[in-house]
Protein backbone atom coordinates (compact mmCIF):
# COMPACT_ATOMS: atom_id res chain seq x y z
CA MET A 1 -22.87 7.84 -18.90
CA ASP A 2 -19.23 8.91 -19.68
CA LEU A 3 -16.30 6.64 -18.29
CA GLN A 4 -14.25 7.77 -15.59
CA LEU A 5 -10.98 6.74 -16.77
CA ALA A 6 -11.14 6.40 -20.61
CA GLY A 7 -8.07 6.69 -22.59
CA LYS A 8 -6.25 7.10 -19.60
CA THR A 9 -2.82 4.33 -18.59
CA ILE A 10 -2.81 3.41 -15.44
CA ILE A 11 -0.46 1.10 -13.25
CA VAL A 12 -1.48 -1.07 -10.57
CA THR A 13 1.37 -2.44 -8.67
CA GLY A 14 0.02 -5.82 -6.52
CA SER A 15 -2.65 -5.89 -8.94
CA SER A 16 -2.58 -9.49 -9.32
CA SER A 17 -4.12 -10.88 -6.58
CA GLY A 18 -6.65 -9.23 -3.43
CA ILE A 19 -7.13 -5.34 -3.26
CA GLY A 20 -4.77 -4.92 -6.57
CA ALA A 21 -7.13 -6.57 -8.76
CA ALA A 22 -9.69 -5.66 -8.24
CA ILE A 23 -8.45 -1.81 -8.77
CA ALA A 24 -7.41 -3.38 -12.04
CA LYS A 25 -10.78 -4.39 -13.17
CA ALA A 26 -12.47 -1.67 -12.12
CA ALA A 27 -9.71 0.78 -13.63
CA TYR A 28 -9.79 -0.89 -16.81
CA ASP A 29 -14.12 -0.86 -16.89
CA GLU A 30 -14.05 2.67 -16.91
CA GLY A 31 -11.64 2.54 -19.72
CA ALA A 32 -8.43 2.56 -18.97
CA ASN A 33 -5.26 1.22 -20.76
CA VAL A 34 -4.19 -0.95 -17.18
CA MET A 35 -0.54 -1.56 -16.32
CA LEU A 36 -0.83 -5.15 -14.21
CA HIS A 37 2.45 -5.72 -11.61
CA GLY A 38 3.10 -8.54 -9.49
CA THR A 39 5.83 -10.85 -9.34
CA LYS A 40 4.08 -14.09 -10.47
CA GLU A 41 4.73 -13.90 -14.40
CA ALA A 42 2.00 -16.67 -14.66
CA VAL A 43 -0.76 -15.35 -13.05
CA LEU A 44 -0.30 -11.76 -14.23
CA GLN A 45 -0.49 -12.97 -18.02
CA GLU A 46 -3.74 -15.10 -16.83
CA LYS A 47 -5.30 -11.74 -15.43
CA ALA A 48 -4.30 -9.46 -18.19
CA ALA A 49 -6.05 -12.09 -20.61
CA GLU A 50 -8.85 -12.05 -18.46
CA LEU A 51 -9.29 -8.17 -18.96
CA GLY A 52 -8.51 -7.79 -22.10
CA PRO A 53 -6.65 -5.98 -25.05
CA ARG A 54 -6.10 -3.31 -23.11
CA ALA A 55 -4.24 -4.85 -20.24
CA ASN A 56 -0.85 -5.93 -19.83
CA TRP A 57 1.70 -6.78 -17.42
CA VAL A 58 5.14 -6.74 -15.82
CA ALA A 59 6.93 -8.19 -13.46
CA ALA A 60 9.03 -6.64 -10.30
CA ASP A 61 10.21 -6.95 -7.00
CA LEU A 62 9.54 -3.99 -5.58
CA ALA A 63 12.27 -4.48 -3.26
CA ASP A 64 14.84 -3.69 -5.71
CA VAL A 65 15.58 0.31 -6.13
CA LYS A 66 15.35 -0.57 -10.46
CA SER A 67 11.97 -1.98 -10.57
CA ALA A 68 10.32 1.42 -10.25
CA SER A 69 11.87 2.41 -13.95
CA VAL A 70 11.60 -1.57 -15.04
CA ILE A 71 7.18 -0.53 -14.18
CA ALA A 72 7.40 2.74 -15.98
CA ASN A 73 9.26 1.69 -18.96
CA LYS A 74 7.39 -1.09 -19.65
CA THR A 75 4.15 0.91 -19.19
CA LYS A 76 5.34 3.37 -21.86
CA ASP A 77 7.01 0.98 -23.95
CA VAL A 78 3.41 -0.55 -24.45
CA PHE A 79 0.85 2.31 -23.87
CA GLY A 80 3.16 5.41 -25.27
CA THR A 81 2.56 7.24 -21.82
CA ILE A 82 1.28 7.16 -17.83
CA ASP A 83 -1.43 9.53 -16.45
CA GLY A 84 -2.24 7.46 -13.54
CA LEU A 85 -0.38 5.29 -10.61
CA VAL A 86 -1.75 2.84 -7.91
CA ASN A 87 0.78 1.77 -5.12
CA ASN A 88 -1.19 -0.59 -3.88
CA ALA A 89 1.33 -3.16 -3.51
CA GLY A 90 2.18 -4.32 -0.07
CA VAL A 91 3.99 -5.97 2.61
CA PHE A 92 3.37 -6.99 6.30
CA PRO A 93 5.35 -9.26 8.23
CA ARG A 94 4.11 -9.35 11.67
CA SER A 95 6.78 -7.27 13.83
CA SER A 96 7.17 -5.88 17.69
CA VAL A 97 9.20 -3.85 19.58
CA ASP A 98 10.64 -7.45 20.45
CA THR A 99 11.82 -7.70 16.22
CA ASP A 100 15.22 -8.07 15.12
CA VAL A 101 14.99 -4.62 13.70
CA PRO A 102 17.64 -5.01 10.46
CA GLU A 103 16.14 -7.72 9.43
CA HIS A 104 12.89 -6.54 8.46
CA PHE A 105 12.84 -2.79 8.22
CA ASP A 106 14.98 -2.00 5.08
CA PHE A 107 12.75 -4.21 3.29
CA VAL A 108 9.51 -3.45 4.64
CA PHE A 109 10.34 0.62 3.97
CA HIS A 110 12.11 -0.29 0.91
CA VAL A 111 8.91 -2.03 -0.62
CA ASN A 112 6.03 0.21 1.52
CA VAL A 113 7.76 3.49 0.69
CA ARG A 114 10.85 3.56 -1.51
CA SER A 115 8.85 1.83 -4.52
CA PRO A 116 5.56 4.06 -4.12
CA LEU A 117 7.92 6.99 -3.88
CA MET A 118 10.46 6.11 -7.08
CA LEU A 119 7.65 5.26 -9.02
CA THR A 120 5.36 8.32 -7.84
CA GLN A 121 8.44 10.26 -9.72
CA GLU A 122 8.65 8.50 -12.91
CA LEU A 123 5.02 9.32 -13.68
CA VAL A 124 6.22 13.24 -12.68
CA LYS A 125 8.28 12.45 -15.26
CA VAL A 126 5.93 11.71 -18.04
CA CYS A 127 3.61 14.37 -16.67
CA ARG A 128 6.25 17.25 -17.11
CA GLU A 129 7.63 15.31 -20.43
CA GLU A 130 3.70 15.94 -21.91
CA SER A 131 2.57 18.82 -19.89
CA LYS A 132 -0.29 17.32 -18.17
CA ALA A 133 -2.07 16.78 -15.40
CA GLY A 134 -1.67 13.26 -13.66
CA SER A 135 -3.12 11.35 -10.79
CA VAL A 136 -1.61 8.75 -7.81
CA VAL A 137 -3.26 6.96 -5.45
CA ASN A 138 -1.37 5.38 -2.50
CA ILE A 139 -3.17 2.13 -1.07
CA GLY A 140 -2.72 2.93 3.03
CA SER A 141 -3.88 1.38 5.52
CA ILE A 142 -5.97 2.91 9.02
CA ASN A 143 -3.40 1.23 10.96
CA ALA A 144 -0.75 4.53 9.46
CA HIS A 145 -2.59 6.11 12.74
CA CYS A 146 -1.31 3.39 15.44
CA GLY A 147 -1.87 -0.27 14.47
CA ALA A 148 -1.50 -2.79 16.22
CA PRO A 149 1.58 -4.09 18.78
CA PHE A 150 2.59 -7.04 16.45
CA LEU A 151 1.89 -4.47 13.27
CA LEU A 152 4.84 -2.18 14.23
CA MET A 153 6.67 -1.45 11.16
CA TYR A 154 3.50 -2.10 9.01
CA ALA A 155 2.45 0.57 10.66
CA MET A 156 5.00 3.30 10.50
CA SER A 157 5.40 2.17 6.83
CA LYS A 158 1.91 3.20 6.37
CA GLY A 159 2.90 6.63 8.42
CA ALA A 160 5.29 7.49 6.47
CA MET A 161 3.21 6.97 3.24
CA MET A 162 0.96 9.08 4.55
CA THR A 163 2.97 12.05 5.26
CA MET A 164 4.53 11.68 1.84
CA SER A 165 0.79 11.61 -0.13
CA ARG A 166 0.20 15.05 1.77
CA ASN A 167 4.05 16.31 1.23
CA LEU A 168 3.48 15.15 -2.64
CA GLY A 169 0.20 16.36 -3.16
CA ASP A 170 0.88 20.05 -1.85
CA ALA A 171 4.51 20.17 -3.53
CA LEU A 172 2.98 18.61 -7.05
CA GLY A 173 -0.62 20.43 -6.74
CA ILE A 174 0.83 23.54 -9.18
CA GLU A 175 1.53 21.18 -12.05
CA LYS A 176 -2.23 19.01 -11.95
CA ILE A 177 -0.74 16.05 -10.19
CA ARG A 178 -2.68 14.91 -7.53
CA VAL A 179 -1.53 12.25 -4.76
CA ASN A 180 -3.99 11.23 -2.66
CA GLN A 181 -4.21 8.48 0.29
CA LEU A 182 -6.51 5.54 0.74
CA ASN A 183 -6.70 4.79 4.48
CA VAL A 184 -8.33 1.25 4.08
CA GLY A 185 -9.83 -0.66 6.86
CA TRP A 186 -9.85 -4.73 7.93
CA THR A 187 -10.64 -6.61 3.59
CA TYR A 188 -11.32 -9.70 2.69
CA THR A 189 -9.04 -10.92 0.84
CA GLU A 190 -6.87 -14.47 -0.73
CA GLY A 191 -4.30 -13.25 2.15
CA GLU A 192 -7.02 -12.52 5.17
CA ARG A 193 -7.57 -15.98 4.23
CA LYS A 194 -4.50 -17.17 4.37
CA ILE A 195 -3.39 -15.39 7.57
CA GLN A 196 -6.34 -16.35 9.39
CA ALA A 197 -6.39 -20.00 8.14
CA ASP A 198 -2.73 -19.76 9.53
CA ALA A 199 -3.61 -18.41 12.77
CA GLY A 200 -6.07 -21.36 13.73
CA ALA A 201 -9.15 -19.06 12.46
CA PRO A 202 -11.90 -21.65 11.90
CA ASP A 203 -13.29 -21.54 8.09
CA ASP A 204 -16.60 -19.37 9.55
CA TRP A 205 -15.08 -17.38 10.77
CA GLN A 206 -16.02 -14.26 8.71
CA ASP A 207 -20.03 -15.16 10.02
CA HIS A 208 -18.22 -14.53 14.18
CA LEU A 209 -17.04 -10.70 13.17
CA SER A 210 -17.53 -8.29 16.36
CA PRO A 211 -20.59 -5.41 15.53
CA LEU A 212 -17.42 -3.08 16.60
CA ALA A 213 -14.80 -4.37 13.47
CA ALA A 214 -17.98 -4.67 10.84
CA PRO A 215 -20.74 -2.93 11.79
CA SER A 216 -22.83 -4.13 8.45
CA GLY A 217 -22.02 -7.61 9.61
CA LYS A 218 -19.39 -8.72 7.30
CA LEU A 219 -16.07 -7.09 6.11
CA LEU A 220 -14.88 -4.31 2.91
CA GLN A 221 -14.23 -6.32 -0.22
CA PRO A 222 -12.08 -5.56 -2.88
CA GLU A 223 -14.42 -4.46 -4.72
CA ASP A 224 -15.67 -1.73 -2.42
CA VAL A 225 -12.00 -0.38 -2.26
CA ALA A 226 -11.71 -0.30 -6.19
CA ALA A 227 -15.03 1.87 -6.34
CA HIS A 228 -12.27 4.24 -4.23
CA ALA A 229 -9.71 4.09 -5.82
CA VAL A 230 -11.51 4.71 -9.17
CA PHE A 231 -12.71 7.86 -8.21
CA TRP A 232 -9.50 9.67 -6.68
CA LEU A 233 -8.13 9.06 -10.36
CA SER A 234 -10.67 10.34 -12.48
CA PRO A 235 -11.29 13.91 -12.76
CA LEU A 236 -14.56 13.35 -11.15
CA SER A 237 -12.04 14.32 -7.75
CA ALA A 238 -10.01 16.65 -8.79
CA PRO A 239 -8.95 19.15 -7.62
CA VAL A 240 -8.76 17.88 -3.94
CA ASN A 241 -5.43 16.77 -3.41
CA GLY A 242 -3.04 15.34 -0.77
CA THR A 243 -6.11 14.11 0.92
CA ILE A 244 -5.99 10.96 3.69
CA HIS A 245 -9.57 9.52 2.62
CA THR A 246 -10.42 6.44 4.97
CA VAL A 247 -12.21 3.49 3.79
CA GLU A 248 -13.68 1.72 6.89
CA GLN A 249 -16.83 1.28 8.17
CA PHE A 250 -17.04 3.74 11.00
CA PRO A 251 -15.83 6.71 12.14
CA MET A 252 -11.60 6.62 13.01
CA THR A 253 -12.22 9.56 15.24
CA GLY A 254 -13.76 9.80 18.84
CA ARG A 255 -15.46 6.74 18.18
CA ASN A 256 -15.83 5.21 21.18
CA ARG A 257 -15.82 1.81 21.59
CA ASN A 258 -17.57 1.33 24.61
CA SER A 259 -20.35 2.30 23.57
CA GLY A 260 -23.72 0.05 22.68
């Protein structure tokens, strides 16, 4: 069977752990050159070594407006080009209508919206220069549709990303550059473990999930999300563009939570 991403160069932001790390590994296993991204150099270096010779890494703070060019330039220097981008990195501080807006708003939107847009601009430049197709996969959230009251700014940012994905997919389709988004549900990651521990949840909290939240009996795993990301990066999902694909265990529209 042919590898889905053979010979492609893919950037995966926030790939030192969790969903990003799983996507990076899945892309590598499907034949891609992979540029890992994060903020901790030692961790990134270790992850790249674990993947193999077609992996490299770049450290950059996505809140910095210069980060997109830093990531793109390192990728081009190492691999010569860019074919795909996974905007996975994001921040999700607790916030509500009572939160100090000036303190939190810019940080969340710079990382979760501005950086993905600027990185997409970098991919578009390369695709235009080389007259080739490209693929962007934005990792969104089911919170984009509404979100919990304590995730106000995160939900807003993922809603903005969702509109951005549709807009760019529509604008760039004629150039064979695809932009699609995965709205991901509750996933078991290192970050989620920490959130639950900080909230005082027992060690076996995963064994007591409501069947409404996890009909399969367990949360989504990073590898589940990674399989979808690889498909949307690859030609197998072409020519679909500007699509918001839900990665969750239950339907997001019209679900009757009072049933069963």
